[in-house]
Amino acid sequence: MALSLYRAIAGPTVLDRLVGVNAIGSKTVALLLLIGLIYQRLDMFVDIALAYGMLNFIAVMAAARYFHKRRGLDQERSLEISKE
């Protein structure tokens, strides 16, 4: 998770930051399932992991839509193309 956290904080573009946050959320879901296996309460932790996964997905989609409408994603892409 440390590498994903680094990408989420220091990512050079907004897309890198969104991917980093999404990766952290996905790894957290897997960690919740492992904790459920350890405590032998997988049924309860599956529900928690599903709810967290849905919230993570909705949050990343909302952030992507916000930055797309704000033209943050398109501007960065055009800046990268002009640098090349």
PDB file of N, CA and C in Angstrom:
ATOM      1  N   MET A   1       0.814  -1.201   0.000  1.00  0.00           N
ATOM      2  CA  MET A   1       0.000   0.000   0.000  1.00  0.00           C
ATOM      3  C   MET A   1       0.855   1.261   0.000  1.00  0.00           C
ATOM      4  N   ALA A   2       2.090   1.147   0.436  1.00  0.00           N
ATOM      5  CA  ALA A   2       2.949   2.327   0.508  1.00  0.00           C
ATOM      6  C   ALA A   2       3.214   2.905  -0.881  1.00  0.00           C
ATOM      7  N   LEU A   3       3.432   2.044  -1.861  1.00  0.00           N
ATOM      8  CA  LEU A   3       3.669   2.540  -3.215  1.00  0.00           C
ATOM      9  C   LEU A   3       2.416   3.201  -3.798  1.00  0.00           C
ATOM     10  N   SER A   4       1.265   2.629  -3.515  1.00  0.00           N
ATOM     11  CA  SER A   4       0.018   3.241  -3.981  1.00  0.00           C
ATOM     12  C   SER A   4      -0.225   4.575  -3.290  1.00  0.00           C
ATOM     13  N   LEU A   5       0.117   4.658  -2.013  1.00  0.00           N
ATOM     14  CA  LEU A   5      -0.030   5.916  -1.283  1.00  0.00           C
ATOM     15  C   LEU A   5       0.903   6.979  -1.838  1.00  0.00           C
ATOM     16  N   TYR A   6       2.115   6.571  -2.186  1.00  0.00           N
ATOM     17  CA  TYR A   6       3.046   7.510  -2.810  1.00  0.00           C
ATOM     18  C   TYR A   6       2.492   8.023  -4.134  1.00  0.00           C
ATOM     19  N   ARG A   7       1.924   7.111  -4.943  1.00  0.00           N
ATOM     20  CA  ARG A   7       1.366   7.510  -6.238  1.00  0.00           C
ATOM     21  C   ARG A   7       0.164   8.424  -6.040  1.00  0.00           C
ATOM     22  N   ALA A   8      -0.620   8.180  -4.993  1.00  0.00           N
ATOM     23  CA  ALA A   8      -1.793   9.015  -4.741  1.00  0.00           C
ATOM     24  C   ALA A   8      -1.402  10.412  -4.273  1.00  0.00           C
ATOM     25  N   ILE A   9      -0.299  10.526  -3.561  1.00  0.00           N
ATOM     26  CA  ILE A   9       0.121  11.832  -3.040  1.00  0.00           C
ATOM     27  C   ILE A   9       0.983  12.575  -4.056  1.00  0.00           C
ATOM     28  N   ALA A  10       1.963  11.910  -4.629  1.00  0.00           N
ATOM     29  CA  ALA A  10       2.944  12.597  -5.464  1.00  0.00           C
ATOM     30  C   ALA A  10       2.762  12.352  -6.951  1.00  0.00           C
ATOM     31  N   GLY A  11       1.649  11.750  -7.326  1.00  0.00           N
ATOM     32  CA  GLY A  11       1.445  11.462  -8.747  1.00  0.00           C
ATOM     33  C   GLY A  11       1.549  12.714  -9.586  1.00  0.00           C
ATOM     34  N   PRO A  12       2.229  12.642 -10.708  1.00  0.00           N
ATOM     35  CA  PRO A  12       2.407  13.865 -11.497  1.00  0.00           C
ATOM     36  C   PRO A  12       1.106  14.359 -12.135  1.00  0.00           C
ATOM     37  N   THR A  13       0.136  13.476 -12.347  1.00  0.00           N
ATOM     38  CA  THR A  13      -1.126  13.914 -12.949  1.00  0.00           C
ATOM     39  C   THR A  13      -2.292  13.521 -12.053  1.00  0.00           C
ATOM     40  N   VAL A  14      -3.439  14.087 -12.344  1.00  0.00           N
ATOM     41  CA  VAL A  14      -4.646  13.757 -11.592  1.00  0.00           C
ATOM     42  C   VAL A  14      -5.019  12.293 -11.814  1.00  0.00           C
ATOM     43  N   LEU A  15      -4.823  11.803 -13.021  1.00  0.00           N
ATOM     44  CA  LEU A  15      -5.139  10.400 -13.305  1.00  0.00           C
ATOM     45  C   LEU A  15      -4.288   9.455 -12.465  1.00  0.00           C
ATOM     46  N   ASP A  16      -3.006   9.778 -12.285  1.00  0.00           N
ATOM     47  CA  ASP A  16      -2.149   8.952 -11.438  1.00  0.00           C
ATOM     48  C   ASP A  16      -2.649   8.952  -9.996  1.00  0.00           C
ATOM     49  N   ARG A  17      -3.089  10.078  -9.532  1.00  0.00           N
ATOM     50  CA  ARG A  17      -3.611  10.170  -8.169  1.00  0.00           C
ATOM     51  C   ARG A  17      -4.890   9.357  -8.011  1.00  0.00           C
ATOM     52  N   LEU A  18      -5.768   9.419  -9.009  1.00  0.00           N
ATOM     53  CA  LEU A  18      -7.008   8.644  -8.945  1.00  0.00           C
ATOM     54  C   LEU A  18      -6.726   7.142  -8.977  1.00  0.00           C
ATOM     55  N   VAL A  19      -5.784   6.724  -9.794  1.00  0.00           N
ATOM     56  CA  VAL A  19      -5.419   5.309  -9.847  1.00  0.00           C
ATOM     57  C   VAL A  19      -4.811   4.869  -8.513  1.00  0.00           C
ATOM     58  N   GLY A  20      -3.996   5.723  -7.911  1.00  0.00           N
ATOM     59  CA  GLY A  20      -3.409   5.400  -6.610  1.00  0.00           C
ATOM     60  C   GLY A  20      -4.465   5.242  -5.530  1.00  0.00           C
ATOM     61  N   VAL A  21      -5.439   6.136  -5.507  1.00  0.00           N
ATOM     62  CA  VAL A  21      -6.514   6.041  -4.516  1.00  0.00           C
ATOM     63  C   VAL A  21      -7.355   4.794  -4.760  1.00  0.00           C
ATOM     64  N   ASN A  22      -7.627   4.482  -6.014  1.00  0.00           N
ATOM     65  CA  ASN A  22      -8.397   3.286  -6.333  1.00  0.00           C
ATOM     66  C   ASN A  22      -7.637   2.017  -5.938  1.00  0.00           C
ATOM     67  N   ALA A  23      -6.333   2.002  -6.144  1.00  0.00           N
ATOM     68  CA  ALA A  23      -5.524   0.839  -5.758  1.00  0.00           C
ATOM     69  C   ALA A  23      -5.520   0.659  -4.246  1.00  0.00           C
ATOM     70  N   ILE A  24      -5.453   1.755  -3.512  1.00  0.00           N
ATOM     71  CA  ILE A  24      -5.509   1.663  -2.047  1.00  0.00           C
ATOM     72  C   ILE A  24      -6.839   1.065  -1.615  1.00  0.00           C
ATOM     73  N   GLY A  25      -7.924   1.504  -2.246  1.00  0.00           N
ATOM     74  CA  GLY A  25      -9.239   0.962  -1.910  1.00  0.00           C
ATOM     75  C   GLY A  25      -9.354  -0.515  -2.216  1.00  0.00           C
ATOM     76  N   SER A  26      -8.818  -0.939  -3.350  1.00  0.00           N
ATOM     77  CA  SER A  26      -8.873  -2.356  -3.719  1.00  0.00           C
ATOM     78  C   SER A  26      -8.050  -3.210  -2.755  1.00  0.00           C
ATOM     79  N   LYS A  27      -6.896  -2.717  -2.379  1.00  0.00           N
ATOM     80  CA  LYS A  27      -6.064  -3.462  -1.428  1.00  0.00           C
ATOM     81  C   LYS A  27      -6.698  -3.503  -0.050  1.00  0.00           C
ATOM     82  N   THR A  28      -7.430  -2.469   0.312  1.00  0.00           N
ATOM     83  CA  THR A  28      -8.127  -2.459   1.592  1.00  0.00           C
ATOM     84  C   THR A  28      -9.237  -3.503   1.610  1.00  0.00           C
ATOM     85  N   VAL A  29      -9.928  -3.666   0.492  1.00  0.00           N
ATOM     86  CA  VAL A  29     -10.960  -4.698   0.398  1.00  0.00           C
ATOM     87  C   VAL A  29     -10.331  -6.075   0.603  1.00  0.00           C
ATOM     88  N   ALA A  30      -9.206  -6.331  -0.045  1.00  0.00           N
ATOM     89  CA  ALA A  30      -8.518  -7.614   0.123  1.00  0.00           C
ATOM     90  C   ALA A  30      -8.052  -7.798   1.564  1.00  0.00           C
ATOM     91  N   LEU A  31      -7.571  -6.738   2.183  1.00  0.00           N
ATOM     92  CA  LEU A  31      -7.128  -6.809   3.576  1.00  0.00           C
ATOM     93  C   LEU A  31      -8.295  -7.112   4.504  1.00  0.00           C
ATOM     94  N   LEU A  32      -9.443  -6.511   4.259  1.00  0.00           N
ATOM     95  CA  LEU A  32     -10.633  -6.806   5.066  1.00  0.00           C
ATOM     96  C   LEU A  32     -11.024  -8.273   4.958  1.00  0.00           C
ATOM     97  N   LEU A  33     -10.923  -8.830   3.765  1.00  0.00           N
ATOM     98  CA  LEU A  33     -11.256 -10.244   3.595  1.00  0.00           C
ATOM     99  C   LEU A  33     -10.252 -11.146   4.317  1.00  0.00           C
ATOM    100  N   LEU A  34      -8.978 -10.767   4.289  1.00  0.00           N
ATOM    101  CA  LEU A  34      -7.978 -11.546   5.038  1.00  0.00           C
ATOM    102  C   LEU A  34      -8.222 -11.473   6.541  1.00  0.00           C
ATOM    103  N   ILE A  35      -8.598 -10.318   7.026  1.00  0.00           N
ATOM    104  CA  ILE A  35      -8.920 -10.178   8.451  1.00  0.00           C
ATOM    105  C   ILE A  35     -10.120 -11.045   8.797  1.00  0.00           C
ATOM    106  N   GLY A  36     -11.106 -11.097   7.890  1.00  0.00           N
ATOM    107  CA  GLY A  36     -12.255 -11.974   8.109  1.00  0.00           C
ATOM    108  C   GLY A  36     -11.866 -13.430   8.197  1.00  0.00           C
ATOM    109  N   LEU A  37     -10.912 -13.855   7.363  1.00  0.00           N
ATOM    110  CA  LEU A  37     -10.437 -15.235   7.437  1.00  0.00           C
ATOM    111  C   LEU A  37      -9.711 -15.500   8.747  1.00  0.00           C
ATOM    112  N   ILE A  38      -8.919 -14.539   9.195  1.00  0.00           N
ATOM    113  CA  ILE A  38      -8.165 -14.717  10.440  1.00  0.00           C
ATOM    114  C   ILE A  38      -9.099 -14.847  11.634  1.00  0.00           C
ATOM    115  N   TYR A  39     -10.121 -13.999  11.697  1.00  0.00           N
ATOM    116  CA  TYR A  39     -11.065 -14.028  12.820  1.00  0.00           C
ATOM    117  C   TYR A  39     -12.192 -15.035  12.622  1.00  0.00           C
ATOM    118  N   GLN A  40     -12.194 -15.753  11.520  1.00  0.00           N
ATOM    119  CA  GLN A  40     -13.204 -16.750  11.186  1.00  0.00           C
ATOM    120  C   GLN A  40     -14.614 -16.162  11.194  1.00  0.00           C
ATOM    121  N   ARG A  41     -14.723 -14.915  10.735  1.00  0.00           N
ATOM    122  CA  ARG A  41     -16.018 -14.239  10.586  1.00  0.00           C
ATOM    123  C   ARG A  41     -16.095 -13.675   9.168  1.00  0.00           C
ATOM    124  N   LEU A  42     -15.828 -14.524   8.196  1.00  0.00           N
ATOM    125  CA  LEU A  42     -15.761 -14.076   6.820  1.00  0.00           C
ATOM    126  C   LEU A  42     -17.085 -13.488   6.344  1.00  0.00           C
ATOM    127  N   ASP A  43     -18.211 -14.024   6.821  1.00  0.00           N
ATOM    128  CA  ASP A  43     -19.515 -13.529   6.388  1.00  0.00           C
ATOM    129  C   ASP A  43     -19.706 -12.056   6.735  1.00  0.00           C
ATOM    130  N   MET A  44     -19.287 -11.655   7.918  1.00  0.00           N
ATOM    131  CA  MET A  44     -19.427 -10.258   8.335  1.00  0.00           C
ATOM    132  C   MET A  44     -18.453  -9.357   7.562  1.00  0.00           C
ATOM    133  N   PHE A  45     -17.231  -9.814   7.393  1.00  0.00           N
ATOM    134  CA  PHE A  45     -16.228  -8.989   6.729  1.00  0.00           C
ATOM    135  C   PHE A  45     -16.459  -8.893   5.219  1.00  0.00           C
ATOM    136  N   VAL A  46     -17.134  -9.864   4.631  1.00  0.00           N
ATOM    137  CA  VAL A  46     -17.479  -9.759   3.212  1.00  0.00           C
ATOM    138  C   VAL A  46     -18.450  -8.610   3.012  1.00  0.00           C
ATOM    139  N   ASP A  47     -19.424  -8.487   3.909  1.00  0.00           N
ATOM    140  CA  ASP A  47     -20.378  -7.378   3.811  1.00  0.00           C
ATOM    141  C   ASP A  47     -19.674  -6.034   3.955  1.00  0.00           C
ATOM    142  N   ILE A  48     -18.758  -5.951   4.902  1.00  0.00           N
ATOM    143  CA  ILE A  48     -18.017  -4.704   5.111  1.00  0.00           C
ATOM    144  C   ILE A  48     -17.151  -4.402   3.893  1.00  0.00           C
ATOM    145  N   ALA A  49     -16.486  -5.425   3.354  1.00  0.00           N
ATOM    146  CA  ALA A  49     -15.615  -5.233   2.187  1.00  0.00           C
ATOM    147  C   ALA A  49     -16.425  -4.805   0.964  1.00  0.00           C
ATOM    148  N   LEU A  50     -17.604  -5.381   0.772  1.00  0.00           N
ATOM    149  CA  LEU A  50     -18.446  -4.985  -0.364  1.00  0.00           C
ATOM    150  C   LEU A  50     -18.906  -3.539  -0.227  1.00  0.00           C
ATOM    151  N   ALA A  51     -19.312  -3.156   0.969  1.00  0.00           N
ATOM    152  CA  ALA A  51     -19.743  -1.774   1.180  1.00  0.00           C
ATOM    153  C   ALA A  51     -18.581  -0.812   0.959  1.00  0.00           C
ATOM    154  N   TYR A  52     -17.404  -1.155   1.464  1.00  0.00           N
ATOM    155  CA  TYR A  52     -16.243  -0.296   1.270  1.00  0.00           C
ATOM    156  C   TYR A  52     -15.854  -0.223  -0.208  1.00  0.00           C
ATOM    157  N   GLY A  53     -15.937  -1.337  -0.899  1.00  0.00           N
ATOM    158  CA  GLY A  53     -15.620  -1.352  -2.323  1.00  0.00           C
ATOM    159  C   GLY A  53     -16.567  -0.482  -3.128  1.00  0.00           C
ATOM    160  N   MET A  54     -17.856  -0.536  -2.797  1.00  0.00           N
ATOM    161  CA  MET A  54     -18.825   0.313  -3.499  1.00  0.00           C
ATOM    162  C   MET A  54     -18.568   1.784  -3.224  1.00  0.00           C
ATOM    163  N   LEU A  55     -18.292   2.125  -1.968  1.00  0.00           N
ATOM    164  CA  LEU A  55     -17.994   3.522  -1.631  1.00  0.00           C
ATOM    165  C   LEU A  55     -16.733   4.001  -2.331  1.00  0.00           C
ATOM    166  N   ASN A  56     -15.730   3.149  -2.408  1.00  0.00           N
ATOM    167  CA  ASN A  56     -14.488   3.499  -3.087  1.00  0.00           C
ATOM    168  C   ASN A  56     -14.753   3.741  -4.572  1.00  0.00           C
ATOM    169  N   PHE A  57     -15.524   2.871  -5.197  1.00  0.00           N
ATOM    170  CA  PHE A  57     -15.838   3.024  -6.612  1.00  0.00           C
ATOM    171  C   PHE A  57     -16.607   4.318  -6.876  1.00  0.00           C
ATOM    172  N   ILE A  58     -17.601   4.594  -6.048  1.00  0.00           N
ATOM    173  CA  ILE A  58     -18.401   5.808  -6.222  1.00  0.00           C
ATOM    174  C   ILE A  58     -17.542   7.051  -6.023  1.00  0.00           C
ATOM    175  N   ALA A  59     -16.663   7.019  -5.034  1.00  0.00           N
ATOM    176  CA  ALA A  59     -15.807   8.176  -4.770  1.00  0.00           C
ATOM    177  C   ALA A  59     -14.836   8.437  -5.926  1.00  0.00           C
ATOM    178  N   VAL A  60     -14.246   7.395  -6.467  1.00  0.00           N
ATOM    179  CA  VAL A  60     -13.310   7.565  -7.579  1.00  0.00           C
ATOM    180  C   VAL A  60     -14.049   8.047  -8.827  1.00  0.00           C
ATOM    181  N   MET A  61     -15.237   7.508  -9.084  1.00  0.00           N
ATOM    182  CA  MET A  61     -16.017   7.962 -10.238  1.00  0.00           C
ATOM    183  C   MET A  61     -16.447   9.418 -10.079  1.00  0.00           C
ATOM    184  N   ALA A  62     -16.828   9.806  -8.870  1.00  0.00           N
ATOM    185  CA  ALA A  62     -17.220  11.197  -8.631  1.00  0.00           C
ATOM    186  C   ALA A  62     -16.037  12.134  -8.814  1.00  0.00           C
ATOM    187  N   ALA A  63     -14.874  11.739  -8.322  1.00  0.00           N
ATOM    188  CA  ALA A  63     -13.686  12.568  -8.481  1.00  0.00           C
ATOM    189  C   ALA A  63     -13.286  12.665  -9.948  1.00  0.00           C
ATOM    190  N   ALA A  64     -13.373  11.560 -10.676  1.00  0.00           N
ATOM    191  CA  ALA A  64     -13.031  11.583 -12.100  1.00  0.00           C
ATOM    192  C   ALA A  64     -13.988  12.477 -12.871  1.00  0.00           C
ATOM    193  N   ARG A  65     -15.264  12.395 -12.545  1.00  0.00           N
ATOM    194  CA  ARG A  65     -16.244  13.249 -13.226  1.00  0.00           C
ATOM    195  C   ARG A  65     -16.000  14.714 -12.894  1.00  0.00           C
ATOM    196  N   TYR A  66     -15.680  14.999 -11.635  1.00  0.00           N
ATOM    197  CA  TYR A  66     -15.413  16.379 -11.228  1.00  0.00           C
ATOM    198  C   TYR A  66     -14.222  16.944 -11.999  1.00  0.00           C
ATOM    199  N   PHE A  67     -13.131  16.201 -12.049  1.00  0.00           N
ATOM    200  CA  PHE A  67     -11.946  16.698 -12.739  1.00  0.00           C
ATOM    201  C   PHE A  67     -12.148  16.760 -14.245  1.00  0.00           C
ATOM    202  N   HIS A  68     -12.958  15.864 -14.778  1.00  0.00           N
ATOM    203  CA  HIS A  68     -13.244  15.917 -16.214  1.00  0.00           C
ATOM    204  C   HIS A  68     -14.063  17.161 -16.545  1.00  0.00           C
ATOM    205  N   LYS A  69     -15.075  17.464 -15.725  1.00  0.00           N
ATOM    206  CA  LYS A  69     -15.890  18.656 -15.971  1.00  0.00           C
ATOM    207  C   LYS A  69     -15.087  19.929 -15.744  1.00  0.00           C
ATOM    208  N   ARG A  70     -14.156  19.883 -14.817  1.00  0.00           N
ATOM    209  CA  ARG A  70     -13.320  21.045 -14.532  1.00  0.00           C
ATOM    210  C   ARG A  70     -12.224  21.200 -15.572  1.00  0.00           C
ATOM    211  N   ARG A  71     -12.122  20.255 -16.447  1.00  0.00           N
ATOM    212  CA  ARG A  71     -11.122  20.221 -17.518  1.00  0.00           C
ATOM    213  C   ARG A  71      -9.720  19.957 -16.986  1.00  0.00           C
ATOM    214  N   GLY A  72      -9.624  19.402 -15.806  1.00  0.00           N
ATOM    215  CA  GLY A  72      -8.313  19.088 -15.264  1.00  0.00           C
ATOM    216  C   GLY A  72      -7.662  17.921 -15.980  1.00  0.00           C
ATOM    217  N   LEU A  73      -8.455  16.931 -16.355  1.00  0.00           N
ATOM    218  CA  LEU A  73      -7.888  15.764 -17.011  1.00  0.00           C
ATOM    219  C   LEU A  73      -7.470  16.083 -18.438  1.00  0.00           C
ATOM    220  N   ASP A  74      -8.294  16.823 -19.152  1.00  0.00           N
ATOM    221  CA  ASP A  74      -7.982  17.146 -20.541  1.00  0.00           C
ATOM    222  C   ASP A  74      -6.801  18.096 -20.647  1.00  0.00           C
ATOM    223  N   GLN A  75      -6.714  19.056 -19.752  1.00  0.00           N
ATOM    224  CA  GLN A  75      -5.611  20.015 -19.811  1.00  0.00           C
ATOM    225  C   GLN A  75      -4.280  19.337 -19.559  1.00  0.00           C
ATOM    226  N   GLU A  76      -4.252  18.425 -18.596  1.00  0.00           N
ATOM    227  CA  GLU A  76      -2.990  17.734 -18.313  1.00  0.00           C
ATOM    228  C   GLU A  76      -2.575  16.876 -19.488  1.00  0.00           C
ATOM    229  N   ARG A  77      -3.528  16.250 -20.135  1.00  0.00           N
ATOM    230  CA  ARG A  77      -3.209  15.418 -21.285  1.00  0.00           C
ATOM    231  C   ARG A  77      -2.655  16.269 -22.417  1.00  0.00           C
ATOM    232  N   SER A  78      -3.248  17.438 -22.647  1.00  0.00           N
ATOM    233  CA  SER A  78      -2.743  18.300 -23.723  1.00  0.00           C
ATOM    234  C   SER A  78      -1.386  18.885 -23.371  1.00  0.00           C
ATOM    235  N   LEU A  79      -1.128  19.128 -22.079  1.00  0.00           N
ATOM    236  CA  LEU A  79       0.185  19.609 -21.669  1.00  0.00           C
ATOM    237  C   LEU A  79       1.256  18.542 -21.884  1.00  0.00           C
ATOM    238  N   GLU A  80       0.910  17.285 -21.602  1.00  0.00           N
ATOM    239  CA  GLU A  80       1.860  16.194 -21.796  1.00  0.00           C
ATOM    240  C   GLU A  80       2.183  16.028 -23.276  1.00  0.00           C
ATOM    241  N   ILE A  81       1.186  16.164 -24.135  1.00  0.00           N
ATOM    242  CA  ILE A  81       1.401  16.004 -25.568  1.00  0.00           C
ATOM    243  C   ILE A  81       2.266  17.144 -26.098  1.00  0.00           C
ATOM    244  N   SER A  82       2.018  18.360 -25.592  1.00  0.00           N
ATOM    245  CA  SER A  82       2.793  19.510 -26.085  1.00  0.00           C
ATOM    246  C   SER A  82       4.245  19.443 -25.608  1.00  0.00           C
ATOM    247  N   LYS A  83       4.516  18.801 -24.474  1.00  0.00           N
ATOM    248  CA  LYS A  83       5.893  18.675 -23.986  1.00  0.00           C
ATOM    249  C   LYS A  83       6.704  17.722 -24.839  1.00  0.00           C
ATOM    250  N   GLU A  84       6.040  16.735 -25.430  1.00  0.00           N
ATOM    251  CA  GLU A  84       6.742  15.746 -26.239  1.00  0.00           C
ATOM    252  C   GLU A  84       7.095  16.372 -27.542  1.00  0.00           C
TER     253      GLU A  84
END
